[in-house]
Amino acid sequence: MSGAEVHVYVITISTQHPLEPVVSELQSRGLQVKQVLAALGQVIGEGSEDVAEKLRSISAVESVDAQQQYRALDDDA
């Protein structure tokens, strides 16, 4: 996985921190925010693995996970 390749990440924010300032910090560290799921305390955004590493160092961030896609196996396979 290249550090410059762009991925979609799901970032979970600690409930001990207000969401809005954390979202601003995520953006300032390079995350392109696509959606804020306030009720879940999660932010979905795009960035490189280098950006993800920067996000993991924010104290209010509980986790930074690359979005996973699942597909059913083809019956003919």
Protein backbone atom coordinates (compact mmCIF):
# COMPACT_ATOMS: atom_id res chain seq x y z
CA MET A 1 0.00 0.00 0.00
CA SER A 2 1.61 3.23 -1.15
CA GLY A 3 1.72 6.19 1.25
CA ALA A 4 0.41 8.50 -1.51
CA GLU A 5 -2.49 6.27 -2.58
CA VAL A 6 -5.85 7.72 -1.49
CA HIS A 7 -8.16 5.58 0.66
CA VAL A 8 -11.48 6.08 2.39
CA TYR A 9 -11.19 6.02 6.18
CA VAL A 10 -13.68 5.77 9.02
CA ILE A 11 -12.42 7.76 12.00
CA THR A 12 -13.99 7.17 15.41
CA ILE A 13 -13.86 10.10 17.84
CA SER A 14 -13.84 9.76 21.62
CA THR A 15 -17.14 10.69 23.25
CA GLN A 16 -15.11 12.79 25.71
CA HIS A 17 -14.36 15.38 23.00
CA PRO A 18 -16.67 17.76 21.12
CA LEU A 19 -16.89 16.64 17.51
CA GLU A 20 -16.65 19.97 15.67
CA PRO A 21 -13.13 20.99 16.76
CA VAL A 22 -11.86 17.46 16.14
CA VAL A 23 -13.27 17.52 12.59
CA SER A 24 -11.43 20.80 12.01
CA GLU A 25 -8.21 19.22 13.24
CA LEU A 26 -8.72 16.19 10.97
CA GLN A 27 -9.06 18.55 8.02
CA SER A 28 -5.99 20.56 9.03
CA ARG A 29 -3.98 17.31 9.02
CA GLY A 30 -5.02 16.54 5.45
CA LEU A 31 -8.24 14.53 5.66
CA GLN A 32 -10.80 15.39 3.00
CA VAL A 33 -13.99 15.01 5.06
CA LYS A 34 -16.85 13.42 3.14
CA GLN A 35 -19.39 12.81 5.91
CA VAL A 36 -19.77 13.44 9.64
CA LEU A 37 -21.89 10.88 11.49
CA ALA A 38 -22.40 12.87 14.68
CA ALA A 39 -24.75 10.36 16.34
CA LEU A 40 -22.07 7.67 15.96
CA GLY A 41 -19.09 9.91 16.69
CA GLN A 42 -17.56 8.99 13.35
CA VAL A 43 -16.11 10.87 10.41
CA ILE A 44 -15.70 9.44 6.91
CA GLY A 45 -13.04 10.94 4.73
CA GLU A 46 -10.32 10.41 2.16
CA GLY A 47 -6.58 10.63 2.50
CA SER A 48 -3.31 8.82 2.06
CA GLU A 49 -1.82 6.37 4.55
CA ASP A 50 0.52 9.20 5.58
CA VAL A 51 -2.53 11.31 6.47
CA ALA A 52 -4.04 8.36 8.37
CA GLU A 53 -0.86 8.10 10.46
CA LYS A 54 -1.13 11.80 11.35
CA LEU A 55 -4.77 11.32 12.37
CA ARG A 56 -3.89 8.41 14.66
CA SER A 57 -1.71 10.77 16.72
CA ILE A 58 -4.67 13.03 17.65
CA SER A 59 -5.66 12.30 21.26
CA ALA A 60 -9.40 12.56 20.55
CA VAL A 61 -9.20 9.90 17.82
CA GLU A 62 -10.00 6.39 19.02
CA SER A 63 -9.43 4.63 15.70
CA VAL A 64 -8.68 5.18 12.03
CA ASP A 65 -9.84 2.29 9.87
CA ALA A 66 -9.65 1.87 6.11
CA GLN A 67 -13.09 1.30 4.64
CA GLN A 68 -13.66 -2.32 3.65
CA GLN A 69 -15.72 -3.53 0.74
CA TYR A 70 -17.20 -7.01 0.63
CA ARG A 71 -18.58 -8.80 -2.37
CA ALA A 72 -20.50 -12.02 -2.55
CA LEU A 73 -18.79 -14.81 -4.44
CA ASP A 74 -20.20 -15.47 -7.86
CA ASP A 75 -22.23 -18.71 -7.94
CA ASP A 76 -20.35 -19.70 -11.13
CA ALA A 77 -16.95 -19.41 -9.47
